[in-house]
Amino acid sequence: MQEKWTYKNYEIKEGLKPGSSKFQYFFTVSEQGMKKSNYCVWIKDDALSRFDESENFDTIISSQRENWSKWIREKIDAQDFQNRALQFDKTGEKEINLSEMNERVTMD
């Protein structure tokens, strides 16, 4: 993970999935050193150009990070610690419970 910040009593670590050619940006939320949940922003290849014409991951992160951090803060405020993905594809965006996905998204 590349960044670390706190919100309320929670520590949030965030960053791109290491070594992945796909855009999967993870947020791991912990409380007192114990992991509570993982959240992922998953931008499918067919939607990358919506965020940056050159499809540059760093540019996308810098332009969208605050919006995604707000999503995480809202989840914490709602005490919603289910593992979730915010998935973007060519048709739009949807929030998915990671345990219900056919296509697995992992931090490893």
C-alpha atoms as a PDB file:
ATOM      1  CA  MET A   1       0.000   0.000   0.000  1.00  0.00           C
ATOM      2  CA  GLN A   2       1.256   3.474  -0.795  1.00  0.00           C
ATOM      3  CA  GLU A   3      -0.761   5.848   1.372  1.00  0.00           C
ATOM      4  CA  LYS A   4      -1.910   5.719   4.973  1.00  0.00           C
ATOM      5  CA  TRP A   5      -4.420   7.972   6.739  1.00  0.00           C
ATOM      6  CA  THR A   6      -6.834   7.899   9.638  1.00  0.00           C
ATOM      7  CA  TYR A   7     -10.520   8.623   9.970  1.00  0.00           C
ATOM      8  CA  LYS A   8     -12.193   8.518  13.352  1.00  0.00           C
ATOM      9  CA  ASN A   9     -10.568   5.523  15.113  1.00  0.00           C
ATOM     10  CA  TYR A  10      -9.701   3.731  11.877  1.00  0.00           C
ATOM     11  CA  GLU A  11      -6.469   3.471   9.921  1.00  0.00           C
ATOM     12  CA  ILE A  12      -6.841   3.292   6.153  1.00  0.00           C
ATOM     13  CA  LYS A  13      -4.085   2.016   3.893  1.00  0.00           C
ATOM     14  CA  GLU A  14      -4.539   2.455   0.178  1.00  0.00           C
ATOM     15  CA  GLY A  15      -2.807   1.740  -3.078  1.00  0.00           C
ATOM     16  CA  LEU A  16      -2.841  -0.067  -6.393  1.00  0.00           C
ATOM     17  CA  LYS A  17      -2.765  -3.832  -6.433  1.00  0.00           C
ATOM     18  CA  PRO A  18       0.977  -4.582  -6.710  1.00  0.00           C
ATOM     19  CA  GLY A  19       2.128  -5.699 -10.148  1.00  0.00           C
ATOM     20  CA  SER A  20      -1.333  -5.694 -11.702  1.00  0.00           C
ATOM     21  CA  SER A  21      -1.952  -4.553 -15.265  1.00  0.00           C
ATOM     22  CA  LYS A  22      -5.620  -4.004 -14.307  1.00  0.00           C
ATOM     23  CA  PHE A  23      -6.799  -0.961 -12.373  1.00  0.00           C
ATOM     24  CA  GLN A  24      -7.599  -2.231  -8.896  1.00  0.00           C
ATOM     25  CA  TYR A  25      -7.118   0.351  -6.150  1.00  0.00           C
ATOM     26  CA  PHE A  26      -7.537  -1.033  -2.634  1.00  0.00           C
ATOM     27  CA  PHE A  27      -8.410   0.521   0.696  1.00  0.00           C
ATOM     28  CA  THR A  28      -7.821  -1.605   3.801  1.00  0.00           C
ATOM     29  CA  VAL A  29      -9.612  -0.376   6.918  1.00  0.00           C
ATOM     30  CA  SER A  30      -8.222  -1.435  10.305  1.00  0.00           C
ATOM     31  CA  GLU A  31      -9.116  -0.694  13.897  1.00  0.00           C
ATOM     32  CA  GLN A  32      -6.450  -1.080  16.579  1.00  0.00           C
ATOM     33  CA  GLY A  33      -4.312  -3.125  14.199  1.00  0.00           C
ATOM     34  CA  MET A  34      -7.132  -5.523  13.272  1.00  0.00           C
ATOM     35  CA  LYS A  35      -8.398  -5.495   9.694  1.00  0.00           C
ATOM     36  CA  LYS A  36     -12.096  -4.616   9.467  1.00  0.00           C
ATOM     37  CA  SER A  37     -12.621  -4.653   5.694  1.00  0.00           C
ATOM     38  CA  ASN A  38     -11.255  -4.190   2.202  1.00  0.00           C
ATOM     39  CA  TYR A  39     -12.724  -1.890  -0.380  1.00  0.00           C
ATOM     40  CA  CYS A  40     -11.650  -1.812  -4.005  1.00  0.00           C
ATOM     41  CA  VAL A  41     -12.097   0.651  -6.838  1.00  0.00           C
ATOM     42  CA  TRP A  42     -12.013  -1.495  -9.926  1.00  0.00           C
ATOM     43  CA  ILE A  43     -11.964   0.231 -13.284  1.00  0.00           C
ATOM     44  CA  LYS A  44     -12.361  -2.209 -16.136  1.00  0.00           C
ATOM     45  CA  ASP A  45     -10.195  -1.656 -19.192  1.00  0.00           C
ATOM     46  CA  ASP A  46     -13.141  -0.473 -21.308  1.00  0.00           C
ATOM     47  CA  ALA A  47     -13.762   2.408 -18.852  1.00  0.00           C
ATOM     48  CA  LEU A  48     -10.233   3.700 -18.211  1.00  0.00           C
ATOM     49  CA  SER A  49     -10.438   6.373 -20.909  1.00  0.00           C
ATOM     50  CA  ARG A  50     -13.472   7.905 -19.128  1.00  0.00           C
ATOM     51  CA  PHE A  51     -11.073   8.970 -16.387  1.00  0.00           C
ATOM     52  CA  ASP A  52      -7.983   9.781 -18.472  1.00  0.00           C
ATOM     53  CA  GLU A  53      -7.566   9.676 -22.259  1.00  0.00           C
ATOM     54  CA  SER A  54      -4.080   8.195 -21.914  1.00  0.00           C
ATOM     55  CA  GLU A  55      -5.379   5.636 -19.368  1.00  0.00           C
ATOM     56  CA  ASN A  56      -2.564   6.581 -16.990  1.00  0.00           C
ATOM     57  CA  PHE A  57      -3.162   5.002 -13.579  1.00  0.00           C
ATOM     58  CA  ASP A  58      -1.350   7.751 -11.641  1.00  0.00           C
ATOM     59  CA  THR A  59      -3.387  10.488 -13.333  1.00  0.00           C
ATOM     60  CA  ILE A  60      -6.621   8.641 -12.615  1.00  0.00           C
ATOM     61  CA  ILE A  61      -5.682   8.202  -8.952  1.00  0.00           C
ATOM     62  CA  SER A  62      -4.740  11.853  -8.469  1.00  0.00           C
ATOM     63  CA  SER A  63      -7.986  13.067 -10.049  1.00  0.00           C
ATOM     64  CA  GLN A  64     -10.318  10.601  -8.272  1.00  0.00           C
ATOM     65  CA  ARG A  65      -8.671   9.792  -4.935  1.00  0.00           C
ATOM     66  CA  GLU A  66     -10.702  12.331  -2.936  1.00  0.00           C
ATOM     67  CA  ASN A  67     -13.992  10.946  -4.310  1.00  0.00           C
ATOM     68  CA  TRP A  68     -12.969   7.411  -3.403  1.00  0.00           C
ATOM     69  CA  SER A  69     -11.798   8.481   0.062  1.00  0.00           C
ATOM     70  CA  LYS A  70     -15.224  10.050   0.587  1.00  0.00           C
ATOM     71  CA  TRP A  71     -16.807   6.699  -0.329  1.00  0.00           C
ATOM     72  CA  ILE A  72     -14.647   5.016   2.350  1.00  0.00           C
ATOM     73  CA  ARG A  73     -15.555   7.634   4.977  1.00  0.00           C
ATOM     74  CA  GLU A  74     -19.256   7.103   4.187  1.00  0.00           C
ATOM     75  CA  LYS A  75     -18.855   3.337   4.656  1.00  0.00           C
ATOM     76  CA  ILE A  76     -17.144   3.890   8.008  1.00  0.00           C
ATOM     77  CA  ASP A  77     -19.835   6.350   9.117  1.00  0.00           C
ATOM     78  CA  ALA A  78     -22.492   3.753   8.231  1.00  0.00           C
ATOM     79  CA  GLN A  79     -20.496   1.017  10.018  1.00  0.00           C
ATOM     80  CA  ASP A  80     -20.608  -0.917   6.725  1.00  0.00           C
ATOM     81  CA  PHE A  81     -17.538  -3.134   6.938  1.00  0.00           C
ATOM     82  CA  GLN A  82     -18.477  -5.627   4.248  1.00  0.00           C
ATOM     83  CA  ASN A  83     -15.768  -6.148   1.643  1.00  0.00           C
ATOM     84  CA  ARG A  84     -16.933  -4.159  -1.370  1.00  0.00           C
ATOM     85  CA  ALA A  85     -15.840  -3.068  -4.824  1.00  0.00           C
ATOM     86  CA  LEU A  86     -16.863   0.057  -6.649  1.00  0.00           C
ATOM     87  CA  GLN A  87     -16.715  -1.190 -10.216  1.00  0.00           C
ATOM     88  CA  PHE A  88     -16.612   1.049 -13.271  1.00  0.00           C
ATOM     89  CA  ASP A  89     -17.222  -0.351 -16.745  1.00  0.00           C
ATOM     90  CA  LYS A  90     -18.371   1.023 -20.089  1.00  0.00           C
ATOM     91  CA  THR A  91     -22.001   1.158 -18.916  1.00  0.00           C
ATOM     92  CA  GLY A  92     -21.403   3.037 -15.663  1.00  0.00           C
ATOM     93  CA  GLU A  93     -20.629   2.159 -12.071  1.00  0.00           C
ATOM     94  CA  LYS A  94     -21.978  -0.233  -9.485  1.00  0.00           C
ATOM     95  CA  GLU A  95     -21.128  -1.256  -5.972  1.00  0.00           C
ATOM     96  CA  ILE A  96     -20.565  -4.969  -5.475  1.00  0.00           C
ATOM     97  CA  ASN A  97     -20.224  -7.106  -2.392  1.00  0.00           C
ATOM     98  CA  LEU A  98     -16.867  -8.826  -3.002  1.00  0.00           C
ATOM     99  CA  SER A  99     -18.050 -12.117  -1.511  1.00  0.00           C
ATOM    100  CA  GLU A 100     -20.794 -12.314  -4.154  1.00  0.00           C
ATOM    101  CA  MET A 101     -18.555 -11.740  -7.171  1.00  0.00           C
ATOM    102  CA  ASN A 102     -17.931 -14.466  -9.723  1.00  0.00           C
ATOM    103  CA  GLU A 103     -14.711 -12.772 -10.816  1.00  0.00           C
ATOM    104  CA  ARG A 104     -12.483 -12.536  -7.740  1.00  0.00           C
ATOM    105  CA  VAL A 105     -10.656  -9.370  -6.824  1.00  0.00           C
ATOM    106  CA  THR A 106      -7.886  -9.842  -4.277  1.00  0.00           C
ATOM    107  CA  MET A 107      -5.143  -7.679  -2.902  1.00  0.00           C
ATOM    108  CA  ASP A 108      -2.495 -10.338  -3.666  1.00  0.00           C
END
